[in-house]
Amino acid sequence: MIYLLRHGETVWNTLGRFQGQKDSPLTRRGIEQADLVAALLATEIAGAAPAFEMHVSPLGRTRETADRVERVLPLARREDPRLMEVSVGAWDGMTMFEIDNEFPGKLDGSDAFDWYFRSPDGESFDAACARAKGFIADVRQPTVAISHGLFGRLLRGVYAGLSQREMLELPVPQDGFYRLVDGEFHLVEGAAAGVPACCVSP
């Protein structure tokens, strides 16, 4: 079983900058989201917490989120670079407008979901999915994983056997988390803690 969390809102999230493997701090709202998710998670795994370990992307925004989780749910914690966000190379830290201006034509024909893999020096879809598969294969006990928007889509998609397009269109909330079990994933959010609000089967 894996509980997959995304970091809270960051400054660059509010500016429309794709962070990739660069970083920006959590906003006040992002801290509130991290605290909410931490409380939901503590309720979800109450009594079973000693069986869990926490794997965290080494980027600052995920470490900040993990710090908030640890305030209410102390777990054995380790950083795992396989959980880092997908890098779009030279486009990391840029907005769509900046990319379109500095790399004319590269976004032609793309949409809100598939532009990530148009970068000339970014991580490929296959390479990112290989990271996700490697992480999933190594899970040996109940695990809390704190990762990112795009990589979280791929991790869920690989787990549930989705197509590339299906993966890229998955939602990426910052005020809930996903429970991955038996080849499916279920959203746990504040409005209905513990109730599957979304379920995707392979």
N, C-alpha and C. Protein backbone atom coordinates (compact mmCIF):
# COMPACT_ATOMS: atom_id res chain seq x y z
N MET A 1 0.84 -1.20 0.00
CA MET A 1 0.00 0.00 0.00
C MET A 1 0.87 1.25 0.00
N ILE A 2 0.49 2.22 -0.83
CA ILE A 2 1.21 3.48 -0.92
C ILE A 2 0.21 4.62 -0.74
N TYR A 3 0.54 5.57 0.13
CA TYR A 3 -0.20 6.81 0.22
C TYR A 3 0.65 7.87 -0.48
N LEU A 4 0.12 8.42 -1.58
CA LEU A 4 0.86 9.35 -2.41
C LEU A 4 0.38 10.77 -2.19
N LEU A 5 1.29 11.62 -1.69
CA LEU A 5 1.00 13.03 -1.42
C LEU A 5 1.74 13.91 -2.41
N ARG A 6 1.13 15.02 -2.74
CA ARG A 6 1.82 16.07 -3.50
C ARG A 6 2.16 17.19 -2.52
N HIS A 7 3.26 17.89 -2.78
CA HIS A 7 3.61 19.04 -1.95
C HIS A 7 2.52 20.10 -2.01
N GLY A 8 2.48 20.98 -1.02
CA GLY A 8 1.54 22.09 -1.01
C GLY A 8 1.88 23.13 -2.07
N GLU A 9 0.98 24.07 -2.24
CA GLU A 9 1.18 25.14 -3.23
C GLU A 9 2.48 25.90 -2.98
N THR A 10 3.17 26.22 -4.06
CA THR A 10 4.42 26.99 -3.97
C THR A 10 4.25 28.35 -4.64
N VAL A 11 5.24 29.21 -4.42
CA VAL A 11 5.24 30.52 -5.06
C VAL A 11 5.19 30.37 -6.58
N TRP A 12 6.00 29.47 -7.12
CA TRP A 12 6.01 29.29 -8.58
C TRP A 12 4.72 28.68 -9.10
N ASN A 13 4.05 27.86 -8.30
CA ASN A 13 2.72 27.38 -8.71
C ASN A 13 1.80 28.56 -8.99
N THR A 14 1.84 29.57 -8.12
CA THR A 14 0.94 30.72 -8.27
C THR A 14 1.32 31.58 -9.48
N LEU A 15 2.57 31.47 -9.93
CA LEU A 15 3.05 32.28 -11.05
C LEU A 15 2.99 31.53 -12.38
N GLY A 16 2.56 30.28 -12.34
CA GLY A 16 2.49 29.50 -13.56
C GLY A 16 3.84 29.05 -14.07
N ARG A 17 4.83 28.96 -13.18
CA ARG A 17 6.15 28.48 -13.57
C ARG A 17 6.24 26.98 -13.32
N PHE A 18 6.70 26.24 -14.32
CA PHE A 18 6.90 24.81 -14.13
C PHE A 18 8.22 24.63 -13.39
N GLN A 19 8.16 24.07 -12.20
CA GLN A 19 9.35 24.02 -11.36
C GLN A 19 10.35 22.95 -11.78
N GLY A 20 9.83 21.80 -12.23
CA GLY A 20 10.73 20.71 -12.56
C GLY A 20 11.61 20.38 -11.37
N GLN A 21 12.90 20.34 -11.59
CA GLN A 21 13.82 20.01 -10.50
C GLN A 21 14.49 21.26 -9.92
N LYS A 22 13.95 22.44 -10.25
CA LYS A 22 14.28 23.65 -9.52
C LYS A 22 13.27 23.77 -8.39
N ASP A 23 13.30 24.87 -7.66
CA ASP A 23 12.47 24.90 -6.47
C ASP A 23 11.97 26.29 -6.15
N SER A 24 10.88 26.33 -5.38
CA SER A 24 10.41 27.56 -4.75
C SER A 24 9.67 27.15 -3.49
N PRO A 25 9.59 28.05 -2.52
CA PRO A 25 9.02 27.67 -1.21
C PRO A 25 7.50 27.56 -1.24
N LEU A 26 6.97 26.90 -0.23
CA LEU A 26 5.52 26.84 -0.06
C LEU A 26 4.98 28.23 0.28
N THR A 27 3.81 28.52 -0.26
CA THR A 27 3.09 29.73 0.13
C THR A 27 2.39 29.48 1.47
N ARG A 28 1.78 30.51 2.02
CA ARG A 28 0.99 30.31 3.24
C ARG A 28 -0.12 29.30 2.98
N ARG A 29 -0.75 29.42 1.82
CA ARG A 29 -1.79 28.45 1.47
C ARG A 29 -1.20 27.04 1.34
N GLY A 30 0.01 26.96 0.79
CA GLY A 30 0.66 25.66 0.66
C GLY A 30 0.94 25.01 2.00
N ILE A 31 1.32 25.82 2.99
CA ILE A 31 1.54 25.30 4.34
C ILE A 31 0.22 24.81 4.92
N GLU A 32 -0.86 25.57 4.71
CA GLU A 32 -2.17 25.14 5.19
C GLU A 32 -2.59 23.84 4.52
N GLN A 33 -2.32 23.70 3.23
CA GLN A 33 -2.65 22.46 2.52
C GLN A 33 -1.85 21.29 3.09
N ALA A 34 -0.56 21.52 3.33
CA ALA A 34 0.27 20.46 3.89
C ALA A 34 -0.23 20.05 5.27
N ASP A 35 -0.65 21.01 6.07
CA ASP A 35 -1.19 20.70 7.40
C ASP A 35 -2.49 19.92 7.30
N LEU A 36 -3.34 20.30 6.34
CA LEU A 36 -4.60 19.58 6.13
C LEU A 36 -4.34 18.14 5.73
N VAL A 37 -3.45 17.96 4.76
CA VAL A 37 -3.13 16.61 4.29
C VAL A 37 -2.52 15.78 5.42
N ALA A 38 -1.67 16.41 6.21
CA ALA A 38 -1.07 15.70 7.34
C ALA A 38 -2.14 15.21 8.31
N ALA A 39 -3.12 16.07 8.59
CA ALA A 39 -4.19 15.68 9.51
C ALA A 39 -5.04 14.57 8.92
N LEU A 40 -5.34 14.65 7.62
CA LEU A 40 -6.10 13.59 6.96
C LEU A 40 -5.35 12.26 7.00
N LEU A 41 -4.06 12.35 6.73
CA LEU A 41 -3.25 11.13 6.72
C LEU A 41 -3.17 10.52 8.11
N ALA A 42 -3.01 11.35 9.12
CA ALA A 42 -2.95 10.85 10.49
C ALA A 42 -4.23 10.12 10.86
N THR A 43 -5.37 10.65 10.40
CA THR A 43 -6.65 9.98 10.64
C THR A 43 -6.74 8.68 9.86
N GLU A 44 -6.28 8.72 8.62
CA GLU A 44 -6.38 7.56 7.73
C GLU A 44 -5.58 6.37 8.25
N ILE A 45 -4.40 6.61 8.79
CA ILE A 45 -3.56 5.47 9.19
C ILE A 45 -3.40 5.38 10.71
N ALA A 46 -4.32 6.00 11.42
CA ALA A 46 -4.28 5.97 12.89
C ALA A 46 -4.15 4.53 13.38
N GLY A 47 -3.21 4.32 14.27
CA GLY A 47 -3.00 2.99 14.83
C GLY A 47 -2.06 2.12 14.03
N ALA A 48 -1.92 2.42 12.73
CA ALA A 48 -1.04 1.61 11.88
C ALA A 48 0.26 2.33 11.55
N ALA A 49 0.41 3.57 12.02
CA ALA A 49 1.57 4.39 11.65
C ALA A 49 2.92 3.70 11.86
N PRO A 50 3.13 2.94 12.95
CA PRO A 50 4.45 2.32 13.13
C PRO A 50 4.86 1.37 12.00
N ALA A 51 3.88 0.89 11.23
CA ALA A 51 4.20 -0.02 10.12
C ALA A 51 4.65 0.73 8.88
N PHE A 52 4.49 2.05 8.87
CA PHE A 52 4.76 2.85 7.67
C PHE A 52 6.16 3.45 7.69
N GLU A 53 6.69 3.64 6.49
CA GLU A 53 7.87 4.49 6.32
C GLU A 53 7.52 5.57 5.31
N MET A 54 8.24 6.69 5.38
CA MET A 54 7.96 7.83 4.51
C MET A 54 9.13 8.06 3.56
N HIS A 55 8.83 8.07 2.27
CA HIS A 55 9.83 8.35 1.23
C HIS A 55 9.51 9.72 0.64
N VAL A 56 10.51 10.56 0.55
CA VAL A 56 10.31 11.96 0.18
C VAL A 56 11.25 12.35 -0.95
N SER A 57 10.71 13.03 -1.95
CA SER A 57 11.57 13.65 -2.96
C SER A 57 12.52 14.62 -2.26
N PRO A 58 13.79 14.69 -2.68
CA PRO A 58 14.74 15.56 -1.99
C PRO A 58 14.60 17.05 -2.30
N LEU A 59 13.65 17.44 -3.14
CA LEU A 59 13.47 18.85 -3.44
C LEU A 59 12.85 19.59 -2.25
N GLY A 60 13.13 20.88 -2.17
CA GLY A 60 12.75 21.65 -0.99
C GLY A 60 11.27 21.67 -0.69
N ARG A 61 10.44 21.78 -1.71
CA ARG A 61 8.99 21.90 -1.49
C ARG A 61 8.39 20.61 -0.93
N THR A 62 8.97 19.47 -1.30
CA THR A 62 8.49 18.21 -0.74
C THR A 62 9.03 18.00 0.66
N ARG A 63 10.27 18.44 0.90
CA ARG A 63 10.82 18.34 2.26
C ARG A 63 10.03 19.23 3.22
N GLU A 64 9.65 20.43 2.75
CA GLU A 64 8.82 21.31 3.59
C GLU A 64 7.50 20.63 3.94
N THR A 65 6.90 19.99 2.95
CA THR A 65 5.63 19.30 3.16
C THR A 65 5.82 18.14 4.13
N ALA A 66 6.90 17.39 3.97
CA ALA A 66 7.19 16.27 4.88
C ALA A 66 7.38 16.78 6.31
N ASP A 67 8.00 17.94 6.47
CA ASP A 67 8.17 18.51 7.81
C ASP A 67 6.82 18.75 8.48
N ARG A 68 5.85 19.23 7.68
CA ARG A 68 4.52 19.47 8.24
C ARG A 68 3.84 18.16 8.61
N VAL A 69 4.02 17.14 7.80
CA VAL A 69 3.45 15.82 8.10
C VAL A 69 4.06 15.28 9.40
N GLU A 70 5.36 15.44 9.56
CA GLU A 70 6.04 14.89 10.73
C GLU A 70 5.59 15.56 12.04
N ARG A 71 5.02 16.76 11.95
CA ARG A 71 4.53 17.43 13.16
C ARG A 71 3.41 16.65 13.83
N VAL A 72 2.63 15.91 13.02
CA VAL A 72 1.49 15.17 13.57
C VAL A 72 1.64 13.66 13.39
N LEU A 73 2.60 13.25 12.58
CA LEU A 73 2.71 11.83 12.26
C LEU A 73 4.19 11.47 12.11
N PRO A 74 4.90 11.27 13.19
CA PRO A 74 6.32 10.93 13.09
C PRO A 74 6.50 9.57 12.42
N LEU A 75 7.18 9.56 11.30
CA LEU A 75 7.43 8.33 10.55
C LEU A 75 8.91 8.23 10.22
N ALA A 76 9.39 7.01 10.10
CA ALA A 76 10.76 6.81 9.60
C ALA A 76 10.83 7.44 8.20
N ARG A 77 11.80 8.32 7.99
CA ARG A 77 11.83 9.13 6.76
C ARG A 77 13.13 8.94 6.01
N ARG A 78 12.99 8.82 4.70
CA ARG A 78 14.18 8.77 3.85
C ARG A 78 13.92 9.53 2.55
N GLU A 79 14.94 10.16 2.04
CA GLU A 79 14.82 10.86 0.76
C GLU A 79 15.07 9.88 -0.37
N ASP A 80 14.27 9.99 -1.42
CA ASP A 80 14.38 9.09 -2.56
C ASP A 80 14.34 9.92 -3.84
N PRO A 81 15.48 10.05 -4.54
CA PRO A 81 15.51 10.88 -5.75
C PRO A 81 14.60 10.38 -6.86
N ARG A 82 14.16 9.13 -6.78
CA ARG A 82 13.23 8.63 -7.80
C ARG A 82 11.89 9.34 -7.73
N LEU A 83 11.59 9.99 -6.61
CA LEU A 83 10.32 10.71 -6.45
C LEU A 83 10.40 12.16 -6.88
N MET A 84 11.55 12.59 -7.39
CA MET A 84 11.70 13.97 -7.85
C MET A 84 10.78 14.25 -9.04
N GLU A 85 10.46 15.53 -9.22
CA GLU A 85 9.63 15.93 -10.35
C GLU A 85 10.35 15.66 -11.67
N VAL A 86 9.57 15.45 -12.71
CA VAL A 86 10.13 15.33 -14.06
C VAL A 86 10.81 16.64 -14.41
N SER A 87 12.00 16.57 -14.96
CA SER A 87 12.70 17.77 -15.40
C SER A 87 12.41 18.04 -16.87
N VAL A 88 12.14 19.30 -17.19
CA VAL A 88 12.01 19.69 -18.59
C VAL A 88 13.27 20.43 -19.05
N GLY A 89 14.39 20.09 -18.42
CA GLY A 89 15.69 20.61 -18.86
C GLY A 89 15.77 22.12 -18.75
N ALA A 90 16.11 22.77 -19.86
CA ALA A 90 16.27 24.22 -19.88
C ALA A 90 14.97 24.95 -19.60
N TRP A 91 13.85 24.24 -19.68
CA TRP A 91 12.56 24.88 -19.43
C TRP A 91 12.20 24.90 -17.94
N ASP A 92 12.93 24.18 -17.11
CA ASP A 92 12.65 24.22 -15.67
C ASP A 92 12.66 25.66 -15.18
N GLY A 93 11.62 26.06 -14.46
CA GLY A 93 11.54 27.41 -13.92
C GLY A 93 10.90 28.43 -14.84
N MET A 94 10.47 28.00 -16.03
CA MET A 94 9.90 28.93 -17.00
C MET A 94 8.38 28.81 -17.06
N THR A 95 7.73 29.87 -17.54
CA THR A 95 6.30 29.83 -17.83
C THR A 95 6.11 29.39 -19.29
N MET A 96 4.88 29.03 -19.63
CA MET A 96 4.58 28.66 -21.02
C MET A 96 4.87 29.82 -21.96
N PHE A 97 4.56 31.04 -21.53
CA PHE A 97 4.81 32.22 -22.36
C PHE A 97 6.31 32.37 -22.64
N GLU A 98 7.13 32.19 -21.60
CA GLU A 98 8.57 32.32 -21.77
C GLU A 98 9.12 31.23 -22.69
N ILE A 99 8.63 30.01 -22.52
CA ILE A 99 9.08 28.91 -23.38
C ILE A 99 8.74 29.21 -24.84
N ASP A 100 7.53 29.66 -25.09
CA ASP A 100 7.08 29.92 -26.45
C ASP A 100 7.89 31.03 -27.10
N ASN A 101 8.34 31.99 -26.27
CA ASN A 101 9.13 33.09 -26.82
C ASN A 101 10.59 32.71 -27.03
N GLU A 102 11.16 31.93 -26.12
CA GLU A 102 12.57 31.59 -26.20
C GLU A 102 12.86 30.36 -27.05
N PHE A 103 11.84 29.52 -27.22
CA PHE A 103 11.98 28.31 -28.03
C PHE A 103 10.85 28.27 -29.05
N PRO A 104 10.86 29.20 -30.01
CA PRO A 104 9.72 29.32 -30.94
C PRO A 104 9.47 28.02 -31.70
N GLY A 105 8.20 27.67 -31.75
CA GLY A 105 7.79 26.49 -32.50
C GLY A 105 7.78 25.20 -31.73
N LYS A 106 8.48 25.15 -30.58
CA LYS A 106 8.59 23.89 -29.85
C LYS A 106 7.27 23.45 -29.22
N LEU A 107 6.38 24.41 -28.95
CA LEU A 107 5.10 24.06 -28.34
C LEU A 107 3.98 23.92 -29.36
N ASP A 108 4.29 24.11 -30.63
CA ASP A 108 3.26 24.01 -31.66
C ASP A 108 2.60 22.64 -31.63
N GLY A 109 1.27 22.63 -31.59
CA GLY A 109 0.53 21.38 -31.60
C GLY A 109 0.42 20.69 -30.25
N SER A 110 1.00 21.29 -29.22
CA SER A 110 0.91 20.69 -27.88
C SER A 110 -0.32 21.22 -27.16
N ASP A 111 -0.63 20.62 -26.03
CA ASP A 111 -1.74 21.10 -25.22
C ASP A 111 -1.30 21.16 -23.76
N ALA A 112 -2.26 21.39 -22.87
CA ALA A 112 -1.93 21.58 -21.46
C ALA A 112 -1.34 20.34 -20.81
N PHE A 113 -1.48 19.19 -21.46
CA PHE A 113 -1.03 17.94 -20.85
C PHE A 113 0.24 17.35 -21.45
N ASP A 114 0.46 17.56 -22.75
CA ASP A 114 1.59 16.85 -23.37
C ASP A 114 2.80 17.72 -23.67
N TRP A 115 2.75 19.01 -23.30
CA TRP A 115 3.86 19.89 -23.63
C TRP A 115 5.14 19.55 -22.87
N TYR A 116 4.99 18.90 -21.72
CA TYR A 116 6.15 18.62 -20.87
C TYR A 116 7.25 17.87 -21.61
N PHE A 117 6.85 17.00 -22.49
CA PHE A 117 7.83 16.13 -23.15
C PHE A 117 8.24 16.66 -24.53
N ARG A 118 8.02 17.97 -24.77
CA ARG A 118 8.48 18.63 -25.99
C ARG A 118 9.86 19.27 -25.78
N SER A 119 10.32 19.33 -24.54
CA SER A 119 11.59 19.98 -24.25
C SER A 119 12.74 19.24 -24.94
N PRO A 120 13.65 19.99 -25.58
CA PRO A 120 14.76 19.32 -26.30
C PRO A 120 15.77 18.64 -25.39
N ASP A 121 15.82 19.01 -24.11
CA ASP A 121 16.81 18.41 -23.22
C ASP A 121 16.19 17.95 -21.90
N GLY A 122 14.89 17.73 -21.89
CA GLY A 122 14.22 17.28 -20.68
C GLY A 122 14.20 15.77 -20.56
N GLU A 123 13.68 15.31 -19.43
CA GLU A 123 13.55 13.87 -19.18
C GLU A 123 12.45 13.31 -20.09
N SER A 124 12.67 12.15 -20.64
CA SER A 124 11.67 11.54 -21.51
C SER A 124 10.55 10.90 -20.70
N PHE A 125 9.42 10.71 -21.35
CA PHE A 125 8.30 10.03 -20.71
C PHE A 125 8.71 8.63 -20.26
N ASP A 126 9.40 7.90 -21.11
CA ASP A 126 9.80 6.53 -20.78
C ASP A 126 10.76 6.49 -19.59
N ALA A 127 11.68 7.46 -19.54
CA ALA A 127 12.64 7.49 -18.43
C ALA A 127 11.93 7.80 -17.12
N ALA A 128 10.98 8.73 -17.15
CA ALA A 128 10.24 9.08 -15.93
C ALA A 128 9.39 7.90 -15.47
N CYS A 129 8.77 7.20 -16.41
CA CYS A 129 7.97 6.02 -16.04
C CYS A 129 8.85 4.91 -15.48
N ALA A 130 10.06 4.80 -15.99
CA ALA A 130 10.99 3.79 -15.45
C ALA A 130 11.32 4.10 -14.00
N ARG A 131 11.47 5.38 -13.67
CA ARG A 131 11.69 5.76 -12.27
C ARG A 131 10.50 5.34 -11.41
N ALA A 132 9.31 5.61 -11.92
CA ALA A 132 8.09 5.26 -11.17
C ALA A 132 8.00 3.75 -10.97
N LYS A 133 8.27 2.99 -12.01
CA LYS A 133 8.22 1.53 -11.91
C LYS A 133 9.24 1.02 -10.90
N GLY A 134 10.43 1.60 -10.92
CA GLY A 134 11.47 1.19 -9.98
C GLY A 134 11.08 1.45 -8.54
N PHE A 135 10.47 2.62 -8.31
CA PHE A 135 10.05 2.93 -6.95
C PHE A 135 8.97 1.95 -6.49
N ILE A 136 7.96 1.74 -7.32
CA ILE A 136 6.86 0.84 -6.95
C ILE A 136 7.38 -0.57 -6.68
N ALA A 137 8.30 -1.03 -7.51
CA ALA A 137 8.82 -2.39 -7.35
C ALA A 137 9.56 -2.59 -6.05
N ASP A 138 10.11 -1.50 -5.50
CA ASP A 138 10.91 -1.60 -4.28
C ASP A 138 10.10 -1.41 -3.00
N VAL A 139 8.81 -1.11 -3.13
CA VAL A 139 7.99 -0.94 -1.93
C VAL A 139 7.76 -2.29 -1.27
N ARG A 140 8.18 -2.40 -0.03
CA ARG A 140 8.10 -3.67 0.70
C ARG A 140 7.20 -3.59 1.93
N GLN A 141 6.77 -2.39 2.28
CA GLN A 141 5.92 -2.22 3.46
C GLN A 141 5.03 -1.01 3.21
N PRO A 142 4.00 -0.81 4.03
CA PRO A 142 3.15 0.36 3.84
C PRO A 142 3.99 1.63 3.79
N THR A 143 3.71 2.47 2.80
CA THR A 143 4.60 3.59 2.49
C THR A 143 3.83 4.87 2.25
N VAL A 144 4.33 5.96 2.80
CA VAL A 144 3.87 7.30 2.46
C VAL A 144 4.92 7.89 1.52
N ALA A 145 4.49 8.31 0.34
CA ALA A 145 5.41 8.90 -0.64
C ALA A 145 5.00 10.35 -0.88
N ILE A 146 5.95 11.27 -0.77
CA ILE A 146 5.67 12.68 -1.00
C ILE A 146 6.41 13.12 -2.25
N SER A 147 5.64 13.49 -3.27
CA SER A 147 6.23 13.75 -4.58
C SER A 147 5.63 15.02 -5.19
N HIS A 148 5.40 15.00 -6.48
CA HIS A 148 5.08 16.21 -7.24
C HIS A 148 3.89 15.99 -8.17
N GLY A 149 3.46 17.05 -8.83
CA GLY A 149 2.30 16.98 -9.70
C GLY A 149 2.45 16.04 -10.87
N LEU A 150 3.37 16.34 -11.78
CA LEU A 150 3.53 15.52 -12.98
C LEU A 150 4.02 14.12 -12.62
N PHE A 151 5.02 14.01 -11.77
CA PHE A 151 5.51 12.68 -11.44
C PHE A 151 4.46 11.87 -10.70
N GLY A 152 3.64 12.54 -9.89
CA GLY A 152 2.55 11.83 -9.21
C GLY A 152 1.55 11.26 -10.20
N ARG A 153 1.29 11.98 -11.29
CA ARG A 153 0.43 11.44 -12.34
C ARG A 153 1.03 10.15 -12.91
N LEU A 154 2.32 10.21 -13.22
CA LEU A 154 2.96 9.04 -13.82
C LEU A 154 3.01 7.87 -12.86
N LEU A 155 3.26 8.15 -11.59
CA LEU A 155 3.32 7.07 -10.60
C LEU A 155 1.97 6.37 -10.49
N ARG A 156 0.90 7.14 -10.42
CA ARG A 156 -0.43 6.54 -10.36
C ARG A 156 -0.75 5.80 -11.66
N GLY A 157 -0.37 6.40 -12.78
CA GLY A 157 -0.67 5.78 -14.06
C GLY A 157 0.06 4.47 -14.27
N VAL A 158 1.33 4.44 -13.91
CA VAL A 158 2.09 3.20 -14.00
C VAL A 158 1.49 2.14 -13.08
N TYR A 159 1.14 2.55 -11.88
CA TYR A 159 0.58 1.61 -10.91
C TYR A 159 -0.71 0.98 -11.42
N ALA A 160 -1.55 1.80 -12.08
CA ALA A 160 -2.86 1.32 -12.52
C ALA A 160 -2.88 0.85 -13.98
N GLY A 161 -1.72 0.91 -14.66
CA GLY A 161 -1.64 0.42 -16.04
C GLY A 161 -2.35 1.31 -17.04
N LEU A 162 -2.30 2.62 -16.85
CA LEU A 162 -2.98 3.55 -17.75
C LEU A 162 -2.12 3.87 -18.97
N SER A 163 -2.76 4.40 -20.01
CA SER A 163 -2.04 4.87 -21.19
C SER A 163 -1.37 6.20 -20.88
N GLN A 164 -0.45 6.62 -21.74
CA GLN A 164 0.24 7.90 -21.53
C GLN A 164 -0.76 9.04 -21.43
N ARG A 165 -1.71 9.10 -22.34
CA ARG A 165 -2.67 10.19 -22.32
C ARG A 165 -3.50 10.17 -21.04
N GLU A 166 -3.95 8.99 -20.63
CA GLU A 166 -4.73 8.88 -19.40
C GLU A 166 -3.93 9.36 -18.20
N MET A 167 -2.64 9.01 -18.16
CA MET A 167 -1.79 9.47 -17.06
C MET A 167 -1.72 10.98 -17.01
N LEU A 168 -1.44 11.59 -18.17
CA LEU A 168 -1.18 13.02 -18.20
C LEU A 168 -2.41 13.85 -17.89
N GLU A 169 -3.61 13.28 -18.04
CA GLU A 169 -4.83 14.01 -17.76
C GLU A 169 -5.34 13.82 -16.33
N LEU A 170 -4.62 13.05 -15.51
CA LEU A 170 -5.05 12.84 -14.13
C LEU A 170 -4.98 14.13 -13.33
N PRO A 171 -5.90 14.33 -12.39
CA PRO A 171 -5.87 15.53 -11.53
C PRO A 171 -4.69 15.48 -10.56
N VAL A 172 -4.27 16.65 -10.11
CA VAL A 172 -3.12 16.73 -9.20
C VAL A 172 -3.45 17.65 -8.01
N PRO A 173 -4.36 17.24 -7.15
CA PRO A 173 -4.76 18.09 -6.01
C PRO A 173 -3.62 18.27 -5.01
N GLN A 174 -3.67 19.40 -4.31
CA GLN A 174 -2.71 19.67 -3.25
C GLN A 174 -3.37 19.69 -1.87
N ASP A 175 -4.65 19.35 -1.82
CA ASP A 175 -5.37 19.34 -0.55
C ASP A 175 -5.97 17.96 -0.26
N GLY A 176 -5.38 16.94 -0.82
CA GLY A 176 -5.77 15.56 -0.59
C GLY A 176 -4.61 14.66 -0.97
N PHE A 177 -4.84 13.37 -0.91
CA PHE A 177 -3.78 12.43 -1.31
C PHE A 177 -4.44 11.18 -1.88
N TYR A 178 -3.63 10.31 -2.46
CA TYR A 178 -4.14 9.10 -3.08
C TYR A 178 -3.68 7.86 -2.32
N ARG A 179 -4.62 6.93 -2.19
CA ARG A 179 -4.33 5.63 -1.62
C ARG A 179 -4.19 4.65 -2.78
N LEU A 180 -3.01 4.05 -2.94
CA LEU A 180 -2.74 3.09 -4.00
C LEU A 180 -2.75 1.69 -3.41
N VAL A 181 -3.70 0.88 -3.86
CA VAL A 181 -3.79 -0.48 -3.33
C VAL A 181 -4.48 -1.36 -4.36
N ASP A 182 -3.98 -2.58 -4.53
CA ASP A 182 -4.57 -3.57 -5.43
C ASP A 182 -4.76 -3.07 -6.84
N GLY A 183 -3.77 -2.34 -7.36
CA GLY A 183 -3.81 -1.88 -8.74
C GLY A 183 -4.78 -0.74 -9.02
N GLU A 184 -5.31 -0.12 -7.97
CA GLU A 184 -6.22 1.01 -8.12
C GLU A 184 -5.74 2.17 -7.25
N PHE A 185 -6.26 3.36 -7.53
CA PHE A 185 -5.97 4.49 -6.64
C PHE A 185 -7.25 5.25 -6.34
N HIS A 186 -7.31 5.74 -5.10
CA HIS A 186 -8.50 6.39 -4.57
C HIS A 186 -8.09 7.71 -3.94
N LEU A 187 -8.83 8.77 -4.22
CA LEU A 187 -8.55 10.07 -3.64
C LEU A 187 -9.14 10.18 -2.24
N VAL A 188 -8.34 10.64 -1.31
CA VAL A 188 -8.81 10.96 0.04
C VAL A 188 -8.66 12.47 0.21
N GLU A 189 -9.76 13.15 0.47
CA GLU A 189 -9.72 14.61 0.60
C GLU A 189 -10.55 15.05 1.78
N GLY A 190 -10.44 16.32 2.12
CA GLY A 190 -11.06 16.83 3.32
C GLY A 190 -12.56 16.66 3.39
N ALA A 191 -13.25 16.81 2.25
CA ALA A 191 -14.70 16.76 2.25
C ALA A 191 -15.23 15.38 2.58
N ALA A 192 -14.41 14.36 2.32
CA ALA A 192 -14.88 12.99 2.54
C ALA A 192 -13.71 12.11 2.93
N ALA A 193 -13.08 12.44 4.03
CA ALA A 193 -11.87 11.72 4.44
C ALA A 193 -12.16 10.23 4.56
N GLY A 194 -11.32 9.46 3.89
CA GLY A 194 -11.45 8.02 3.96
C GLY A 194 -12.43 7.41 2.98
N VAL A 195 -13.17 8.25 2.23
CA VAL A 195 -14.14 7.73 1.27
C VAL A 195 -13.56 7.86 -0.13
N PRO A 196 -13.51 6.79 -0.92
CA PRO A 196 -12.96 6.89 -2.28
C PRO A 196 -13.77 7.84 -3.14
N ALA A 197 -13.19 9.03 -3.43
CA ALA A 197 -13.87 9.99 -4.29
C ALA A 197 -13.49 9.76 -5.75
N CYS A 198 -12.44 9.03 -5.97
CA CYS A 198 -12.00 8.76 -7.33
C CYS A 198 -11.36 7.39 -7.35
N CYS A 199 -11.70 6.61 -8.27
CA CYS A 199 -11.12 5.27 -8.33
C CYS A 199 -10.85 4.93 -9.77
N VAL A 200 -9.64 4.55 -10.07
CA VAL A 200 -9.29 4.14 -11.42
C VAL A 200 -8.78 2.72 -11.36
N SER A 201 -9.35 1.86 -12.14
CA SER A 201 -8.91 0.47 -12.19
C SER A 201 -8.02 0.27 -13.40
N PRO A 202 -7.14 -0.73 -13.38
CA PRO A 202 -6.30 -0.98 -14.54
C PRO A 202 -7.13 -1.41 -15.73
